[in-house]
């Protein structure tokens, strides 16, 4: 349920920006603006806007498929209400945490911008892989599923390559912070399971 709410809000804001109804500029993560002008809201708002339809659809489809897996494990461990709240906290905090590296690296670069929920979506993706490491993940036109424990390092390699190219406004380095967010969520669920047992 939380996954669907996040998808609807993110898609709504992104579409309003695509159509020019909302000005995208105040929403974009710009490390210079955050660091020097204290526009801290950008560390969260950038997760609601995307660079285009492909970026939005890819992120929201990924969230749609993997969000319920993490929500399910959180619900089992913490109950429906607390599980939903913790899922939302994981998602929102992952948006902010995923900007830390770029904030420190680009704080004096006025031209560095990033958009997209990729950091938070990656945290959810990695958390689902940690909960179910043998889960099969289908990659576009490949007709056989790739196990999560193989997909994860390949995905990070792709993100590293895209970050090195730095040819779009997508914060690819955000994905490197997310395995630690996913691990901490998996660890907290393990602690909860051991308390319940």
N, C-alpha and C. Protein backbone atom coordinates (compact mmCIF):
# COMPACT_ATOMS: atom_id res chain seq x y z
N UNK A 1 0.82 -1.20 0.00
CA UNK A 1 0.00 0.00 0.00
C UNK A 1 0.87 1.27 0.00
N UNK A 2 1.90 1.29 0.86
CA UNK A 2 2.79 2.45 0.91
C UNK A 2 3.50 2.61 -0.43
N UNK A 3 3.89 1.49 -1.02
CA UNK A 3 4.54 1.53 -2.33
C UNK A 3 3.67 2.26 -3.35
N UNK A 4 2.39 1.93 -3.39
CA UNK A 4 1.50 2.57 -4.36
C UNK A 4 1.33 4.06 -4.10
N UNK A 5 1.27 4.44 -2.84
CA UNK A 5 1.16 5.87 -2.49
C UNK A 5 2.41 6.62 -2.97
N UNK A 6 3.58 6.04 -2.71
CA UNK A 6 4.84 6.67 -3.15
C UNK A 6 4.86 6.80 -4.67
N UNK A 7 4.44 5.76 -5.37
CA UNK A 7 4.42 5.79 -6.84
C UNK A 7 3.49 6.89 -7.34
N UNK A 8 2.30 6.98 -6.77
CA UNK A 8 1.33 7.99 -7.21
C UNK A 8 1.83 9.41 -6.96
N UNK A 9 2.39 9.65 -5.78
CA UNK A 9 2.89 11.00 -5.47
C UNK A 9 4.07 11.35 -6.37
N UNK A 10 5.01 10.43 -6.52
CA UNK A 10 6.19 10.69 -7.34
C UNK A 10 5.81 10.90 -8.81
N UNK A 11 4.96 10.03 -9.32
CA UNK A 11 4.53 10.18 -10.71
C UNK A 11 3.77 11.49 -10.90
N UNK A 12 2.92 11.83 -9.93
CA UNK A 12 2.15 13.07 -10.02
C UNK A 12 3.03 14.30 -10.09
N UNK A 13 4.00 14.40 -9.18
CA UNK A 13 4.90 15.55 -9.16
C UNK A 13 5.74 15.59 -10.44
N UNK A 14 6.27 14.44 -10.84
CA UNK A 14 7.10 14.39 -12.05
C UNK A 14 6.31 14.83 -13.28
N UNK A 15 5.09 14.34 -13.41
CA UNK A 15 4.26 14.69 -14.57
C UNK A 15 3.93 16.18 -14.56
N UNK A 16 3.64 16.73 -13.38
CA UNK A 16 3.37 18.17 -13.30
C UNK A 16 4.60 18.97 -13.73
N UNK A 17 5.79 18.48 -13.41
CA UNK A 17 7.02 19.15 -13.86
C UNK A 17 7.23 18.96 -15.36
N UNK A 18 6.97 17.75 -15.87
CA UNK A 18 7.12 17.50 -17.31
C UNK A 18 6.25 18.46 -18.11
N UNK A 19 5.05 18.72 -17.61
CA UNK A 19 4.08 19.56 -18.34
C UNK A 19 4.25 21.04 -18.05
N UNK A 20 5.22 21.41 -17.22
CA UNK A 20 5.47 22.81 -16.93
C UNK A 20 4.51 23.43 -15.93
N UNK A 21 3.66 22.63 -15.32
CA UNK A 21 2.73 23.14 -14.31
C UNK A 21 3.49 23.48 -13.03
N UNK A 22 4.49 22.66 -12.71
CA UNK A 22 5.39 22.94 -11.59
C UNK A 22 6.76 23.29 -12.16
N UNK A 23 7.41 24.26 -11.56
CA UNK A 23 8.78 24.61 -11.94
C UNK A 23 9.71 23.58 -11.30
N UNK A 24 10.45 22.86 -12.11
CA UNK A 24 11.31 21.78 -11.63
C UNK A 24 12.53 22.29 -10.86
N UNK A 25 12.98 23.51 -11.16
CA UNK A 25 14.24 24.01 -10.60
C UNK A 25 14.33 23.98 -9.07
N UNK A 26 13.30 24.37 -8.33
CA UNK A 26 13.43 24.31 -6.86
C UNK A 26 13.46 22.89 -6.29
N UNK A 27 13.10 21.90 -7.11
CA UNK A 27 13.03 20.51 -6.65
C UNK A 27 14.34 19.75 -6.88
N UNK A 28 15.13 20.19 -7.85
CA UNK A 28 16.35 19.49 -8.26
C UNK A 28 17.40 19.50 -7.14
N UNK A 29 18.12 18.39 -7.01
CA UNK A 29 19.26 18.38 -6.08
C UNK A 29 20.41 19.12 -6.73
N UNK A 30 20.84 20.18 -6.09
CA UNK A 30 22.00 20.95 -6.53
C UNK A 30 22.86 21.13 -5.28
N UNK A 31 24.00 20.45 -5.26
CA UNK A 31 24.83 20.43 -4.05
C UNK A 31 25.26 21.84 -3.64
N UNK A 32 25.53 22.69 -4.59
CA UNK A 32 25.93 24.07 -4.28
C UNK A 32 24.81 24.79 -3.53
N UNK A 33 23.60 24.67 -4.03
CA UNK A 33 22.45 25.32 -3.39
C UNK A 33 22.20 24.77 -1.99
N UNK A 34 22.37 23.48 -1.83
CA UNK A 34 22.18 22.86 -0.51
C UNK A 34 23.26 23.35 0.45
N UNK A 35 24.50 23.27 0.03
CA UNK A 35 25.64 23.57 0.91
C UNK A 35 25.76 25.06 1.22
N UNK A 36 25.73 25.88 0.20
CA UNK A 36 26.01 27.31 0.38
C UNK A 36 24.77 28.14 0.69
N UNK A 37 23.63 27.71 0.21
CA UNK A 37 22.40 28.49 0.43
C UNK A 37 21.44 27.80 1.38
N UNK A 38 21.88 26.67 1.94
CA UNK A 38 21.12 25.93 2.96
C UNK A 38 19.72 25.52 2.48
N UNK A 39 19.61 25.15 1.22
CA UNK A 39 18.34 24.69 0.68
C UNK A 39 18.24 23.17 0.88
N UNK A 40 18.11 22.80 2.14
CA UNK A 40 18.15 21.39 2.54
C UNK A 40 17.00 20.57 1.96
N UNK A 41 15.89 21.22 1.64
CA UNK A 41 14.74 20.50 1.08
C UNK A 41 15.11 19.76 -0.20
N UNK A 42 16.12 20.25 -0.91
CA UNK A 42 16.52 19.62 -2.17
C UNK A 42 17.04 18.20 -1.96
N UNK A 43 17.49 17.87 -0.76
CA UNK A 43 17.98 16.53 -0.47
C UNK A 43 16.84 15.51 -0.45
N UNK A 44 15.61 15.98 -0.39
CA UNK A 44 14.44 15.10 -0.46
C UNK A 44 13.62 15.33 -1.73
N UNK A 45 13.44 16.60 -2.09
CA UNK A 45 12.54 16.92 -3.21
C UNK A 45 13.01 16.36 -4.54
N UNK A 46 14.32 16.19 -4.71
CA UNK A 46 14.82 15.68 -5.99
C UNK A 46 14.31 14.27 -6.27
N UNK A 47 13.92 13.55 -5.23
CA UNK A 47 13.40 12.19 -5.40
C UNK A 47 12.00 12.16 -5.99
N UNK A 48 11.37 13.33 -6.10
CA UNK A 48 10.01 13.39 -6.67
C UNK A 48 10.00 13.80 -8.13
N UNK A 49 11.16 14.23 -8.66
CA UNK A 49 11.21 14.66 -10.06
C UNK A 49 12.19 13.79 -10.83
N UNK A 50 11.94 13.63 -12.12
CA UNK A 50 12.76 12.74 -12.95
C UNK A 50 13.16 13.44 -14.24
N UNK A 51 14.17 12.89 -14.90
CA UNK A 51 14.73 13.53 -16.09
C UNK A 51 13.88 13.31 -17.34
N UNK A 52 12.94 12.41 -17.28
CA UNK A 52 12.08 12.13 -18.43
C UNK A 52 11.20 10.93 -18.15
N UNK A 53 10.37 10.60 -19.14
CA UNK A 53 9.43 9.49 -18.98
C UNK A 53 10.14 8.17 -18.72
N UNK A 54 11.21 7.89 -19.45
CA UNK A 54 11.93 6.62 -19.26
C UNK A 54 12.46 6.47 -17.85
N UNK A 55 13.05 7.53 -17.34
CA UNK A 55 13.61 7.54 -15.99
C UNK A 55 12.50 7.31 -14.97
N UNK A 56 11.39 8.02 -15.11
CA UNK A 56 10.26 7.87 -14.19
C UNK A 56 9.68 6.46 -14.25
N UNK A 57 9.42 5.97 -15.45
CA UNK A 57 8.79 4.65 -15.60
C UNK A 57 9.71 3.56 -15.07
N UNK A 58 11.00 3.63 -15.39
CA UNK A 58 11.93 2.61 -14.90
C UNK A 58 11.96 2.58 -13.38
N UNK A 59 12.08 3.75 -12.74
CA UNK A 59 12.12 3.80 -11.28
C UNK A 59 10.82 3.30 -10.65
N UNK A 60 9.69 3.74 -11.20
CA UNK A 60 8.42 3.38 -10.59
C UNK A 60 8.06 1.91 -10.83
N UNK A 61 8.44 1.36 -11.98
CA UNK A 61 8.23 -0.08 -12.20
C UNK A 61 9.08 -0.91 -11.25
N UNK A 62 10.33 -0.49 -11.08
CA UNK A 62 11.21 -1.20 -10.15
C UNK A 62 10.63 -1.15 -8.74
N UNK A 63 10.18 0.02 -8.32
CA UNK A 63 9.56 0.15 -7.00
C UNK A 63 8.30 -0.70 -6.91
N UNK A 64 7.49 -0.72 -7.96
CA UNK A 64 6.25 -1.48 -7.98
C UNK A 64 6.51 -2.97 -7.77
N UNK A 65 7.56 -3.49 -8.38
CA UNK A 65 7.84 -4.92 -8.27
C UNK A 65 8.55 -5.30 -6.98
N UNK A 66 9.42 -4.44 -6.45
CA UNK A 66 10.22 -4.83 -5.29
C UNK A 66 9.73 -4.23 -3.98
N UNK A 67 9.01 -3.11 -4.04
CA UNK A 67 8.47 -2.50 -2.83
C UNK A 67 7.61 -3.45 -2.01
N UNK A 68 6.66 -4.16 -2.63
CA UNK A 68 5.81 -5.06 -1.86
C UNK A 68 6.57 -6.18 -1.15
N UNK A 69 7.71 -6.61 -1.71
CA UNK A 69 8.52 -7.65 -1.05
C UNK A 69 9.03 -7.12 0.29
N UNK A 70 9.57 -5.90 0.28
CA UNK A 70 10.11 -5.31 1.51
C UNK A 70 8.97 -4.98 2.47
N UNK A 71 7.88 -4.43 1.96
CA UNK A 71 6.72 -4.14 2.81
C UNK A 71 6.23 -5.40 3.50
N UNK A 72 6.19 -6.51 2.76
CA UNK A 72 5.74 -7.79 3.32
C UNK A 72 6.63 -8.23 4.50
N UNK A 73 7.92 -8.16 4.31
CA UNK A 73 8.84 -8.57 5.38
C UNK A 73 8.76 -7.62 6.58
N UNK A 74 8.59 -6.33 6.32
CA UNK A 74 8.42 -5.38 7.42
C UNK A 74 7.12 -5.64 8.16
N UNK A 75 6.05 -5.97 7.45
CA UNK A 75 4.76 -6.25 8.08
C UNK A 75 4.85 -7.49 8.96
N UNK A 76 5.50 -8.52 8.47
CA UNK A 76 5.66 -9.74 9.27
C UNK A 76 6.46 -9.45 10.54
N UNK A 77 7.52 -8.67 10.39
CA UNK A 77 8.41 -8.41 11.53
C UNK A 77 7.83 -7.41 12.53
N UNK A 78 7.13 -6.38 12.05
CA UNK A 78 6.75 -5.28 12.93
C UNK A 78 5.25 -5.02 13.02
N UNK A 79 4.45 -5.76 12.25
CA UNK A 79 3.02 -5.50 12.21
C UNK A 79 2.70 -4.53 11.08
N UNK A 80 1.42 -4.45 10.74
CA UNK A 80 1.01 -3.69 9.56
C UNK A 80 1.32 -2.19 9.70
N UNK A 81 0.95 -1.58 10.80
CA UNK A 81 1.13 -0.13 10.94
C UNK A 81 2.59 0.26 11.06
N UNK A 82 3.29 -0.37 12.00
CA UNK A 82 4.70 -0.04 12.21
C UNK A 82 5.52 -0.44 10.98
N UNK A 83 5.19 -1.57 10.37
CA UNK A 83 5.89 -2.00 9.17
C UNK A 83 5.75 -0.99 8.04
N UNK A 84 4.54 -0.45 7.86
CA UNK A 84 4.30 0.55 6.82
C UNK A 84 5.08 1.83 7.11
N UNK A 85 5.08 2.25 8.37
CA UNK A 85 5.82 3.45 8.76
C UNK A 85 7.32 3.26 8.53
N UNK A 86 7.84 2.11 8.93
CA UNK A 86 9.28 1.85 8.75
C UNK A 86 9.66 1.75 7.27
N UNK A 87 8.77 1.21 6.47
CA UNK A 87 9.03 1.17 5.03
C UNK A 87 9.13 2.59 4.48
N UNK A 88 8.20 3.45 4.88
CA UNK A 88 8.22 4.85 4.43
C UNK A 88 9.48 5.55 4.92
N UNK A 89 9.88 5.28 6.16
CA UNK A 89 11.10 5.88 6.71
C UNK A 89 12.32 5.41 5.93
N UNK A 90 12.38 4.13 5.61
CA UNK A 90 13.49 3.60 4.82
C UNK A 90 13.56 4.32 3.47
N UNK A 91 12.43 4.44 2.80
CA UNK A 91 12.39 5.06 1.48
C UNK A 91 12.83 6.53 1.53
N UNK A 92 12.22 7.30 2.43
CA UNK A 92 12.51 8.73 2.51
C UNK A 92 13.95 8.97 2.98
N UNK A 93 14.40 8.22 3.97
CA UNK A 93 15.78 8.42 4.45
C UNK A 93 16.79 8.02 3.38
N UNK A 94 16.45 7.02 2.56
CA UNK A 94 17.35 6.62 1.47
C UNK A 94 17.49 7.73 0.44
N UNK A 95 16.42 8.50 0.23
CA UNK A 95 16.52 9.64 -0.70
C UNK A 95 17.58 10.61 -0.19
N UNK A 96 17.51 10.95 1.09
CA UNK A 96 18.45 11.91 1.67
C UNK A 96 19.87 11.34 1.74
N UNK A 97 20.00 10.11 2.22
CA UNK A 97 21.32 9.50 2.38
C UNK A 97 22.03 9.37 1.03
N UNK A 98 21.26 9.10 0.00
CA UNK A 98 21.89 8.89 -1.32
C UNK A 98 22.51 10.16 -1.88
N UNK A 99 22.21 11.32 -1.31
CA UNK A 99 22.81 12.57 -1.81
C UNK A 99 24.10 12.95 -1.08
N UNK A 100 24.40 12.30 0.02
CA UNK A 100 25.53 12.72 0.86
C UNK A 100 26.85 12.73 0.08
N UNK A 101 27.12 11.67 -0.66
CA UNK A 101 28.37 11.62 -1.43
C UNK A 101 28.47 12.74 -2.44
N UNK A 102 27.39 12.97 -3.18
CA UNK A 102 27.40 14.04 -4.18
C UNK A 102 27.42 15.42 -3.52
N UNK A 103 26.78 15.55 -2.37
CA UNK A 103 26.81 16.83 -1.65
C UNK A 103 28.25 17.19 -1.30
N UNK A 104 28.98 16.25 -0.75
CA UNK A 104 30.36 16.52 -0.36
C UNK A 104 31.28 16.71 -1.58
N UNK A 105 31.04 15.94 -2.61
CA UNK A 105 31.90 16.00 -3.80
C UNK A 105 31.64 17.26 -4.64
N UNK A 106 30.38 17.67 -4.77
CA UNK A 106 30.02 18.75 -5.69
C UNK A 106 29.53 20.02 -4.99
N UNK A 107 29.82 20.18 -3.72
CA UNK A 107 29.30 21.33 -2.97
C UNK A 107 29.73 22.68 -3.53
N UNK A 108 30.83 22.72 -4.27
CA UNK A 108 31.30 23.97 -4.86
C UNK A 108 31.07 24.04 -6.37
N UNK A 109 30.34 23.08 -6.91
CA UNK A 109 30.05 23.04 -8.34
C UNK A 109 28.60 23.46 -8.56
N UNK A 110 28.43 24.70 -8.98
CA UNK A 110 27.09 25.25 -9.17
C UNK A 110 26.30 24.52 -10.26
N UNK A 111 26.99 23.89 -11.18
CA UNK A 111 26.33 23.26 -12.33
C UNK A 111 25.93 21.81 -12.11
N UNK A 112 26.32 21.20 -10.99
CA UNK A 112 25.96 19.79 -10.78
C UNK A 112 24.52 19.69 -10.28
N UNK A 113 23.70 18.97 -11.03
CA UNK A 113 22.31 18.73 -10.67
C UNK A 113 22.02 17.24 -10.74
N UNK A 114 21.05 16.79 -9.96
CA UNK A 114 20.60 15.40 -10.03
C UNK A 114 19.12 15.35 -9.72
N UNK A 115 18.44 14.41 -10.36
CA UNK A 115 17.02 14.20 -10.12
C UNK A 115 16.75 12.70 -10.05
N UNK A 116 15.63 12.36 -9.47
CA UNK A 116 15.16 10.98 -9.51
C UNK A 116 15.17 10.26 -8.19
N UNK A 117 14.31 9.28 -8.11
CA UNK A 117 14.15 8.47 -6.90
C UNK A 117 15.06 7.24 -6.93
N UNK A 118 16.03 7.24 -7.81
CA UNK A 118 16.87 6.05 -8.00
C UNK A 118 17.55 5.58 -6.72
N UNK A 119 18.01 6.51 -5.89
CA UNK A 119 18.66 6.12 -4.65
C UNK A 119 17.73 5.37 -3.73
N UNK A 120 16.52 5.89 -3.55
CA UNK A 120 15.54 5.23 -2.68
C UNK A 120 15.07 3.92 -3.29
N UNK A 121 14.84 3.92 -4.60
CA UNK A 121 14.40 2.70 -5.28
C UNK A 121 15.48 1.63 -5.17
N UNK A 122 16.74 2.04 -5.29
CA UNK A 122 17.84 1.08 -5.13
C UNK A 122 17.88 0.51 -3.73
N UNK A 123 17.61 1.33 -2.73
CA UNK A 123 17.57 0.82 -1.35
C UNK A 123 16.50 -0.26 -1.21
N UNK A 124 15.35 -0.02 -1.81
CA UNK A 124 14.27 -1.01 -1.76
C UNK A 124 14.65 -2.25 -2.55
N UNK A 125 15.24 -2.06 -3.72
CA UNK A 125 15.70 -3.20 -4.53
C UNK A 125 16.70 -4.04 -3.77
N UNK A 126 17.71 -3.41 -3.17
CA UNK A 126 18.73 -4.16 -2.43
C UNK A 126 18.15 -4.81 -1.17
N UNK A 127 17.22 -4.14 -0.52
CA UNK A 127 16.57 -4.75 0.65
C UNK A 127 15.81 -6.00 0.24
N UNK A 128 15.10 -5.95 -0.89
CA UNK A 128 14.36 -7.13 -1.34
C UNK A 128 15.32 -8.27 -1.69
N UNK A 129 16.47 -7.93 -2.26
CA UNK A 129 17.47 -8.96 -2.58
C UNK A 129 18.02 -9.57 -1.29
N UNK A 130 18.23 -8.74 -0.26
CA UNK A 130 18.72 -9.28 1.01
C UNK A 130 17.68 -10.16 1.69
N UNK A 131 16.41 -9.80 1.55
CA UNK A 131 15.35 -10.63 2.13
C UNK A 131 15.18 -11.93 1.36
N UNK A 132 15.30 -11.85 0.04
CA UNK A 132 15.09 -13.02 -0.81
C UNK A 132 16.20 -13.08 -1.87
N UNK A 133 17.42 -13.50 -1.47
CA UNK A 133 18.58 -13.43 -2.38
C UNK A 133 18.47 -14.30 -3.63
N UNK A 134 17.64 -15.34 -3.59
CA UNK A 134 17.52 -16.21 -4.77
C UNK A 134 16.36 -15.78 -5.67
N UNK A 135 15.71 -14.69 -5.31
CA UNK A 135 14.61 -14.18 -6.12
C UNK A 135 15.11 -13.92 -7.53
N UNK A 136 14.35 -14.34 -8.52
CA UNK A 136 14.73 -14.13 -9.91
C UNK A 136 14.36 -12.73 -10.37
N UNK A 137 15.30 -12.06 -11.00
CA UNK A 137 15.08 -10.71 -11.51
C UNK A 137 15.22 -10.77 -13.03
N UNK A 138 14.17 -10.33 -13.71
CA UNK A 138 14.20 -10.30 -15.17
C UNK A 138 14.75 -8.96 -15.63
N UNK A 139 15.68 -9.01 -16.54
CA UNK A 139 16.31 -7.81 -17.07
C UNK A 139 15.88 -7.64 -18.53
N UNK A 140 15.01 -6.67 -18.75
CA UNK A 140 14.52 -6.30 -20.08
C UNK A 140 14.26 -7.51 -20.96
N UNK A 141 15.05 -7.74 -21.98
CA UNK A 141 14.74 -8.77 -22.98
C UNK A 141 15.38 -10.12 -22.68
N UNK A 142 16.03 -10.27 -21.54
CA UNK A 142 16.64 -11.55 -21.20
C UNK A 142 15.54 -12.47 -20.66
N UNK A 143 15.29 -13.61 -21.33
CA UNK A 143 14.14 -14.44 -20.98
C UNK A 143 14.30 -15.30 -19.72
N UNK A 144 15.49 -15.29 -19.12
CA UNK A 144 15.67 -16.08 -17.90
C UNK A 144 15.97 -15.15 -16.73
N UNK A 145 15.46 -15.52 -15.55
CA UNK A 145 15.70 -14.65 -14.39
C UNK A 145 17.15 -14.73 -13.90
N UNK A 146 17.65 -13.61 -13.45
CA UNK A 146 18.99 -13.53 -12.86
C UNK A 146 18.80 -13.52 -11.34
N UNK A 147 19.46 -14.41 -10.60
CA UNK A 147 19.31 -14.39 -9.15
C UNK A 147 19.77 -13.05 -8.57
N UNK A 148 19.08 -12.61 -7.52
CA UNK A 148 19.37 -11.33 -6.91
C UNK A 148 20.82 -11.14 -6.52
N UNK A 149 21.44 -12.20 -5.99
CA UNK A 149 22.83 -12.07 -5.55
C UNK A 149 23.80 -11.90 -6.71
N UNK A 150 23.39 -12.21 -7.93
CA UNK A 150 24.20 -11.94 -9.12
C UNK A 150 23.85 -10.58 -9.69
N UNK A 151 22.55 -10.26 -9.70
CA UNK A 151 22.08 -8.99 -10.23
C UNK A 151 22.68 -7.80 -9.49
N UNK A 152 22.74 -7.88 -8.15
CA UNK A 152 23.17 -6.74 -7.33
C UNK A 152 24.55 -6.22 -7.72
N UNK A 153 25.59 -7.06 -7.80
CA UNK A 153 26.90 -6.51 -8.19
C UNK A 153 26.93 -6.03 -9.64
N UNK A 154 26.18 -6.69 -10.53
CA UNK A 154 26.12 -6.22 -11.91
C UNK A 154 25.47 -4.84 -11.99
N UNK A 155 24.45 -4.64 -11.20
CA UNK A 155 23.76 -3.34 -11.16
C UNK A 155 24.69 -2.24 -10.65
N UNK A 156 25.46 -2.54 -9.61
CA UNK A 156 26.41 -1.56 -9.08
C UNK A 156 27.51 -1.24 -10.10
N UNK A 157 27.93 -2.24 -10.84
CA UNK A 157 28.92 -2.02 -11.89
C UNK A 157 28.36 -1.09 -12.97
N UNK A 158 27.12 -1.32 -13.37
CA UNK A 158 26.46 -0.44 -14.34
C UNK A 158 26.38 0.99 -13.80
N UNK A 159 26.01 1.14 -12.53
CA UNK A 159 25.90 2.48 -11.93
C UNK A 159 27.24 3.17 -11.88
N UNK A 160 28.29 2.43 -11.56
CA UNK A 160 29.64 3.00 -11.54
C UNK A 160 30.00 3.52 -12.94
N UNK A 161 29.72 2.71 -13.95
CA UNK A 161 30.01 3.11 -15.34
C UNK A 161 29.24 4.38 -15.72
N UNK A 162 27.96 4.42 -15.40
CA UNK A 162 27.14 5.58 -15.75
C UNK A 162 27.58 6.83 -14.97
N UNK A 163 27.98 6.64 -13.72
CA UNK A 163 28.46 7.78 -12.92
C UNK A 163 29.76 8.33 -13.51
N UNK A 164 30.63 7.45 -14.00
CA UNK A 164 31.88 7.89 -14.62
C UNK A 164 31.61 8.69 -15.89
N UNK A 165 30.61 8.29 -16.64
CA UNK A 165 30.27 9.01 -17.88
C UNK A 165 29.68 10.38 -17.57
N UNK A 166 28.90 10.49 -16.52
CA UNK A 166 28.30 11.75 -16.06
C UNK A 166 27.68 12.54 -17.22
N UNK A 167 26.81 11.87 -17.98
CA UNK A 167 26.24 12.49 -19.18
C UNK A 167 24.77 12.88 -19.01
N UNK A 168 24.20 12.63 -17.84
CA UNK A 168 22.80 12.99 -17.62
C UNK A 168 22.66 13.58 -16.23
N UNK A 169 21.49 13.98 -15.87
CA UNK A 169 21.26 14.54 -14.53
C UNK A 169 20.76 13.50 -13.55
N UNK A 170 21.10 12.26 -13.78
CA UNK A 170 20.70 11.18 -12.89
C UNK A 170 21.84 10.94 -11.91
N UNK A 171 21.51 10.91 -10.63
CA UNK A 171 22.52 10.73 -9.59
C UNK A 171 22.92 9.27 -9.45
N UNK A 172 23.70 8.74 -10.38
CA UNK A 172 24.07 7.33 -10.37
C UNK A 172 24.88 6.94 -9.14
N UNK A 173 25.67 7.87 -8.60
CA UNK A 173 26.45 7.53 -7.41
C UNK A 173 25.55 7.32 -6.20
N UNK A 174 24.31 7.78 -6.28
CA UNK A 174 23.37 7.56 -5.18
C UNK A 174 23.17 6.07 -4.90
N UNK A 175 23.34 5.25 -5.91
CA UNK A 175 23.08 3.82 -5.76
C UNK A 175 24.12 3.12 -4.89
N UNK A 176 25.26 3.73 -4.70
CA UNK A 176 26.29 3.08 -3.90
C UNK A 176 26.03 3.17 -2.40
N UNK A 177 25.24 4.12 -1.98
CA UNK A 177 24.91 4.25 -0.56
C UNK A 177 23.82 3.26 -0.16
N UNK A 178 23.06 2.81 -1.11
CA UNK A 178 21.85 2.07 -0.79
C UNK A 178 22.05 0.64 -0.29
N UNK A 179 23.09 -0.07 -0.69
CA UNK A 179 23.26 -1.38 -0.07
C UNK A 179 23.40 -1.30 1.45
N UNK A 180 24.02 -0.24 1.97
CA UNK A 180 24.13 -0.11 3.43
C UNK A 180 22.77 0.17 4.06
N UNK A 181 21.94 0.96 3.38
CA UNK A 181 20.57 1.20 3.88
C UNK A 181 19.78 -0.10 3.88
N UNK A 182 19.92 -0.87 2.81
CA UNK A 182 19.21 -2.14 2.70
C UNK A 182 19.69 -3.11 3.78
N UNK A 183 21.00 -3.16 3.99
CA UNK A 183 21.53 -4.07 5.01
C UNK A 183 21.00 -3.70 6.39
N UNK A 184 20.94 -2.41 6.71
CA UNK A 184 20.45 -2.00 8.02
C UNK A 184 18.97 -2.35 8.19
N UNK A 185 18.18 -2.24 7.11
CA UNK A 185 16.78 -2.63 7.22
C UNK A 185 16.65 -4.13 7.41
N UNK A 186 17.47 -4.89 6.71
CA UNK A 186 17.45 -6.36 6.85
C UNK A 186 17.88 -6.75 8.27
N UNK A 187 18.89 -6.07 8.79
CA UNK A 187 19.38 -6.35 10.13
C UNK A 187 18.29 -6.06 11.17
N UNK A 188 17.57 -4.96 11.01
CA UNK A 188 16.52 -4.63 11.98
C UNK A 188 15.39 -5.65 11.93
N UNK A 189 15.08 -6.17 10.75
CA UNK A 189 14.05 -7.21 10.65
C UNK A 189 14.55 -8.49 11.31
N UNK A 190 15.84 -8.82 11.12
CA UNK A 190 16.39 -10.00 11.80
C UNK A 190 16.29 -9.86 13.31
N UNK A 191 16.60 -8.67 13.83
CA UNK A 191 16.48 -8.43 15.27
C UNK A 191 15.03 -8.61 15.72
N UNK A 192 14.10 -8.12 14.94
CA UNK A 192 12.69 -8.24 15.27
C UNK A 192 12.27 -9.70 15.29
N UNK A 193 12.70 -10.46 14.27
CA UNK A 193 12.37 -11.89 14.22
C UNK A 193 12.91 -12.61 15.46
N UNK A 194 14.13 -12.26 15.89
CA UNK A 194 14.70 -12.96 17.05
C UNK A 194 13.97 -12.57 18.33
N UNK A 195 13.44 -11.36 18.42
CA UNK A 195 12.66 -10.96 19.59
C UNK A 195 11.32 -11.68 19.61
N UNK A 196 10.71 -11.84 18.42
CA UNK A 196 9.41 -12.52 18.32
C UNK A 196 9.55 -14.00 18.67
N UNK A 197 10.64 -14.61 18.26
CA UNK A 197 10.83 -16.06 18.47
C UNK A 197 10.98 -16.43 19.92
